[in-house]
Protein backbone atom coordinates (compact mmCIF):
# COMPACT_ATOMS: atom_id res chain seq x y z
CA MET A 1 -11.19 44.87 -85.64
CA ASN A 2 -10.54 47.95 -84.06
CA MET A 3 -9.20 47.39 -80.52
CA PRO A 4 -9.74 50.22 -77.97
CA ALA A 5 -6.77 51.94 -77.48
CA PRO A 6 -5.85 52.22 -73.49
CA SER A 7 -5.95 55.27 -71.61
CA SER A 8 -2.95 57.50 -71.69
CA SER A 9 -3.29 58.76 -68.00
CA ALA A 10 -4.77 56.69 -65.50
CA PRO A 11 -6.37 58.56 -62.72
CA SER A 12 -5.06 59.12 -59.04
CA PRO A 13 -5.88 56.13 -56.65
CA THR A 14 -7.50 58.41 -54.53
CA ASP A 15 -9.68 60.07 -57.09
CA MET A 16 -13.03 57.62 -56.67
CA THR A 17 -15.11 59.81 -59.15
CA ALA A 18 -12.21 59.36 -61.69
CA LEU A 19 -11.69 55.63 -60.81
CA ARG A 20 -15.42 54.97 -61.41
CA GLU A 21 -15.84 57.22 -64.73
CA ALA A 22 -12.68 54.99 -65.98
CA ILE A 23 -14.52 51.76 -65.07
CA ASP A 24 -17.76 52.93 -66.43
CA ALA A 25 -16.02 54.04 -69.88
CA ILE A 26 -13.95 50.53 -69.71
CA ASP A 27 -17.61 48.73 -69.03
CA GLY A 28 -19.11 50.43 -72.21
CA GLN A 29 -15.77 49.24 -74.43
CA LEU A 30 -16.57 45.71 -73.28
CA ALA A 31 -20.32 45.96 -74.11
CA ARG A 32 -19.40 47.03 -77.34
CA LEU A 33 -17.14 44.19 -77.92
CA ILE A 34 -19.36 41.44 -76.45
CA ALA A 35 -21.94 42.62 -78.84
CA GLN A 36 -19.44 42.52 -81.82
CA ARG A 37 -18.79 39.01 -81.03
CA SER A 38 -22.00 37.70 -80.45
CA GLY A 39 -22.96 39.12 -83.88
CA LEU A 40 -19.80 37.05 -85.34
CA ALA A 41 -21.23 34.03 -83.24
CA ARG A 42 -24.74 34.78 -85.01
CA ALA A 43 -22.96 35.07 -88.32
CA ILE A 44 -21.12 31.70 -87.85
CA ALA A 45 -24.16 29.96 -86.97
CA GLU A 46 -26.42 31.35 -90.09
CA ALA A 47 -23.35 30.19 -92.20
CA LYS A 48 -23.43 26.86 -90.66
CA LYS A 49 -27.17 26.61 -91.47
CA ALA A 50 -27.00 27.91 -94.58
CA ALA A 51 -24.39 25.06 -95.71
CA GLY A 52 -26.56 22.31 -94.00
CA ASP A 53 -24.49 21.77 -90.98
CA SER A 54 -26.44 20.59 -88.16
CA GLY A 55 -23.50 18.79 -86.45
CA PHE A 56 -22.51 19.16 -82.72
CA GLY A 57 -21.44 22.89 -81.90
CA TRP A 58 -19.62 21.77 -78.76
CA ARG A 59 -15.84 21.94 -79.35
CA PRO A 60 -13.97 21.08 -76.33
CA ALA A 61 -10.29 21.37 -77.82
CA ARG A 62 -11.06 24.36 -79.58
CA GLU A 63 -12.67 26.09 -76.10
CA ILE A 64 -9.58 24.98 -74.09
CA ASP A 65 -7.30 26.59 -76.94
CA ILE A 66 -9.05 29.81 -76.34
CA LEU A 67 -8.83 30.05 -72.95
CA ARG A 68 -4.86 28.98 -72.84
CA GLY A 69 -4.03 31.97 -75.38
CA LEU A 70 -5.84 34.74 -73.45
CA ILE A 71 -3.84 33.79 -70.30
CA THR A 72 -1.02 33.55 -71.99
CA ARG A 73 -1.58 36.89 -73.68
CA GLU A 74 -2.78 38.74 -70.59
CA PRO A 75 -0.79 37.47 -67.53
CA ASN A 76 -2.44 39.58 -65.44
CA LEU A 77 -5.69 38.67 -66.15
CA ASP A 78 -6.95 36.22 -63.20
CA PRO A 79 -7.43 32.57 -64.60
CA ALA A 80 -10.43 31.69 -63.22
CA LEU A 81 -11.99 34.96 -64.02
CA ALA A 82 -10.92 34.39 -67.98
CA ALA A 83 -12.68 31.03 -67.53
CA ALA A 84 -15.86 32.16 -66.09
CA VAL A 85 -16.43 35.11 -68.93
CA TRP A 86 -15.25 33.06 -71.54
CA ARG A 87 -17.47 30.02 -70.59
CA ALA A 88 -20.40 32.39 -70.64
CA LEU A 89 -19.54 33.53 -74.00
CA ILE A 90 -19.20 30.39 -75.46
CA SER A 91 -22.31 29.02 -74.40
CA ALA A 92 -24.27 32.08 -75.70
CA ASN A 93 -22.28 31.08 -78.79
CA LEU A 94 -23.56 27.55 -78.63
CA ALA A 95 -27.33 28.69 -77.54
CA ALA A 96 -27.14 30.67 -81.10
CA GLN A 97 -25.97 27.36 -82.87
CA GLY A 98 -29.11 25.36 -81.68
CA GLY A 99 -28.35 25.07 -77.66
CA LEU A 100 -27.61 21.96 -76.01
CA ASP A 101 -29.30 19.34 -73.86
CA VAL A 102 -27.59 19.44 -70.46
CA VAL A 103 -27.98 16.43 -67.92
CA THR A 104 -26.35 16.26 -64.40
CA THR A 105 -26.53 14.85 -60.95
CA LEU A 106 -27.44 16.93 -58.16
CA GLU A 107 -23.80 17.02 -57.00
CA ALA A 108 -22.48 17.88 -60.29
CA ALA A 109 -25.10 20.36 -61.28
CA PRO A 110 -23.17 23.62 -59.89
CA TRP A 111 -20.44 22.63 -62.21
CA ALA A 112 -22.67 22.15 -64.91
CA LYS A 113 -23.92 25.61 -64.12
CA LEU A 114 -20.36 26.68 -64.70
CA ALA A 115 -19.85 24.77 -67.95
CA PHE A 116 -23.24 25.80 -69.82
CA GLY A 117 -24.52 28.79 -67.70
CA SER A 118 -28.46 29.20 -68.29
CA ALA A 119 -27.79 29.18 -72.33
CA SER A 120 -29.02 25.61 -72.33
CA GLU A 121 -31.49 23.43 -70.65
CA THR A 122 -30.21 21.57 -67.73
CA ARG A 123 -32.25 18.81 -66.29
CA ILE A 124 -31.31 16.54 -63.07
CA LEU A 125 -30.98 12.74 -63.63
CA SER A 126 -29.11 10.10 -61.93
CA ALA A 127 -25.79 9.38 -63.20
CA SER A 128 -26.55 6.10 -65.27
CA GLU A 129 -29.72 8.01 -66.94
CA ALA A 130 -27.49 11.04 -67.63
CA LEU A 131 -25.26 8.38 -69.54
CA VAL A 132 -27.92 6.91 -71.16
CA ALA A 133 -29.40 10.16 -72.32
CA ALA A 134 -25.82 11.48 -73.57
CA LYS A 135 -25.58 8.28 -75.78
CA GLN A 136 -29.39 8.65 -77.36
CA GLY A 137 -29.24 12.65 -77.50
CA ALA A 138 -27.69 13.91 -80.60
CA ARG A 139 -27.22 17.63 -78.75
CA THR A 140 -26.83 16.09 -75.18
CA ILE A 141 -23.97 16.32 -72.60
CA ALA A 142 -23.79 14.73 -69.34
CA CYS A 143 -22.14 16.42 -66.53
CA LEU A 144 -20.66 14.18 -63.93
CA PRO A 145 -18.90 13.89 -60.81
CA TRP A 146 -15.17 13.28 -61.07
CA PRO A 147 -14.80 9.80 -60.69
CA GLY A 148 -13.25 9.12 -57.80
CA GLU A 149 -13.29 6.26 -55.36
CA ARG A 150 -17.25 6.99 -54.24
CA GLU A 151 -18.33 7.35 -57.67
CA SER A 152 -18.75 4.19 -60.07
CA TRP A 153 -20.48 5.70 -62.96
CA TRP A 154 -17.46 4.68 -65.14
CA VAL A 155 -18.26 1.16 -65.01
CA ASP A 156 -21.36 1.75 -67.13
CA LEU A 157 -19.08 2.83 -69.92
CA LEU A 158 -17.82 -0.77 -70.23
CA ASP A 159 -20.81 -1.66 -71.37
CA ASP A 160 -21.32 -1.93 -75.09
CA ARG A 161 -24.84 -0.25 -75.29
CA LEU A 162 -22.88 3.09 -74.30
CA ALA A 163 -20.40 2.64 -76.78
CA GLY A 164 -19.27 5.93 -78.10
CA VAL A 165 -19.91 7.98 -75.01
CA HIS A 166 -16.73 9.69 -73.89
CA ALA A 167 -15.58 12.33 -71.43
CA CYS A 168 -14.40 14.86 -73.47
CA ALA A 169 -13.38 18.07 -70.90
CA ALA A 170 -13.56 18.71 -67.73
CA SER A 171 -15.39 21.44 -65.20
CA PRO A 172 -14.15 23.84 -64.39
CA GLN A 173 -11.39 24.09 -66.72
CA ILE A 174 -9.10 25.62 -64.32
CA VAL A 175 -7.85 23.73 -61.22
CA ALA A 176 -5.00 25.18 -58.90
CA GLN A 177 -4.39 21.30 -57.40
CA GLY A 178 -5.94 18.08 -57.65
CA ALA A 179 -8.65 16.85 -60.02
CA PRO A 180 -11.62 18.90 -61.40
CA ALA A 181 -14.88 18.55 -59.67
CA SER A 182 -16.85 16.82 -62.88
CA LEU A 183 -16.27 15.48 -66.38
CA LEU A 184 -18.40 16.54 -69.65
CA LEU A 185 -19.22 13.90 -71.79
CA ALA A 186 -21.38 13.06 -75.00
CA ASN A 187 -21.42 10.35 -77.97
CA ARG A 188 -18.64 11.73 -79.65
CA ALA A 189 -14.89 10.69 -79.79
CA PRO A 190 -12.58 13.36 -77.91
CA GLU A 191 -10.32 15.70 -79.52
CA ALA A 192 -6.65 16.32 -78.67
CA SER A 193 -5.92 20.10 -77.38
CA GLY A 194 -1.89 19.56 -75.67
CA GLY A 195 -1.55 18.75 -72.42
CA ASP A 196 -4.09 16.00 -72.62
CA ILE A 197 -5.15 13.22 -70.04
CA SER A 198 -6.72 10.07 -70.91
CA LEU A 199 -8.87 7.66 -68.53
CA LEU A 200 -8.91 3.88 -69.16
CA ALA A 201 -11.42 1.39 -67.33
CA GLY A 202 -10.81 -2.06 -67.52
CA PRO A 203 -9.89 -5.27 -65.57
CA LYS A 204 -6.83 -4.39 -63.15
CA ALA A 205 -4.46 -7.06 -64.51
CA ALA A 206 -4.78 -5.61 -67.87
CA LEU A 207 -4.55 -1.94 -67.12
CA GLU A 208 -0.82 -2.68 -65.14
CA LYS A 209 0.81 -2.08 -68.49
CA HIS A 210 -0.63 0.96 -68.84
CA GLY A 211 1.04 2.29 -65.23
CA GLY A 212 -0.76 6.23 -64.95
CA THR A 213 -2.73 7.01 -61.87
CA GLY A 214 -5.39 4.85 -60.06
CA LEU A 215 -8.67 6.86 -59.49
CA SER A 216 -11.42 4.48 -58.65
CA GLU A 217 -12.00 0.74 -58.20
CA ARG A 218 -15.01 -1.61 -58.35
CA GLY A 219 -14.21 -5.32 -57.36
CA GLU A 220 -11.66 -6.42 -60.35
CA LEU A 221 -12.43 -3.28 -62.47
CA ALA A 222 -10.67 -0.31 -62.28
CA LEU A 223 -10.22 3.32 -63.85
CA ILE A 224 -6.89 4.95 -64.53
CA GLN A 225 -5.63 7.95 -65.75
CA VAL A 226 -2.74 8.15 -67.87
CA THR A 227 -0.60 11.07 -69.68
CA GLY A 228 -1.06 12.28 -72.85
CA PHE A 229 -4.18 11.94 -75.72
CA MET A 230 -5.02 8.63 -76.74
CA GLU A 231 -6.59 7.84 -80.07
CA PRO A 232 -10.01 6.67 -79.83
CA ASP A 233 -9.48 3.97 -82.05
CA ALA A 234 -6.06 2.87 -80.44
CA PRO A 235 -6.11 -0.94 -79.74
CA LEU A 236 -6.59 -1.85 -76.35
CA GLU A 237 -6.50 -5.19 -74.20
CA THR A 238 -9.47 -7.30 -73.94
CA GLY A 239 -11.89 -5.73 -71.67
CA VAL A 240 -10.22 -2.20 -71.44
CA ARG A 241 -12.02 0.87 -72.77
CA LEU A 242 -11.24 4.32 -73.39
CA ILE A 243 -13.33 6.49 -71.09
CA GLY A 244 -12.24 9.67 -72.54
CA CYS A 245 -9.65 12.73 -72.72
CA PHE A 246 -9.66 16.16 -71.16
CA ALA A 247 -7.44 18.83 -70.78
CA LEU A 248 -7.16 21.73 -68.32
CA ALA A 249 -6.10 25.20 -69.04
C-alpha cells in the first residue's frame, strides 16, 4: 500500500485559507486510507467465514500491540487521540466479523462506549447479570467498573459456575496515572501482550505469598494485582482464582 507523501512546503501559520486547505487535503487522504483499511477488514472477515471460522474475533493482546506500535512510531501523536481513533476502527472491524454483545453496568457504560463504540449492541445490566451473560454468550463481553473498595463483583468470579470468565482488557487502554476506569471480561483465557498485570482473588491468607497490591476486600476474601502475566492454568492455592490479566499501552 502506497502511503501519501507529506507536503514539501507547509503553509504559513498565519495563512488561514491555506491551512484549512491543507487540513482538507489530509482529511481526504485519511478517508481513502480508512476505506482501504475497512476493505481489508471485510476481506479478513470473508476469509474467516469461508474457512469456517466463527470464533471470537476480539483479540485484546493484538489491539494493545497495535496501539503501542502507533505510539512508538509516531511520538508526536497524542496517545489518547490515537486510542480513540483506533478503537473506533477496531470496533468497526469486529462488527464486520459478526459483532459483539456488550453488557455493562450503568456506571461503566461510558467506558464500554469508548471500547466498542456503536458498532456492537450494548445492554445495561447489574454486575452479577453481566458476568452471567459473559459466561453464557459466545460473543459477549462484560464491561464492569474497576474493582476498587466500593466494587465487589469480583467475588462472583470465585463461584465455579462462572469458571472461565476472565478480565482480558481495560478501558481506557491509556491511563496517565492510577488505575483504568473499567475492565472487559469474557468467557475466554487472557493472552499475554507484554507489560501485563494479573488479578488474583481468594482468601487473604492464601494470597499473602503473592505479594502484589491490594485492591479490594470482602470479609476474609481479597483481590490483589501482581505484575506480570500469569498463565490461566498455573497452579494456585486452594480457593485462589485468576480473575484475569490486562495491559495498558
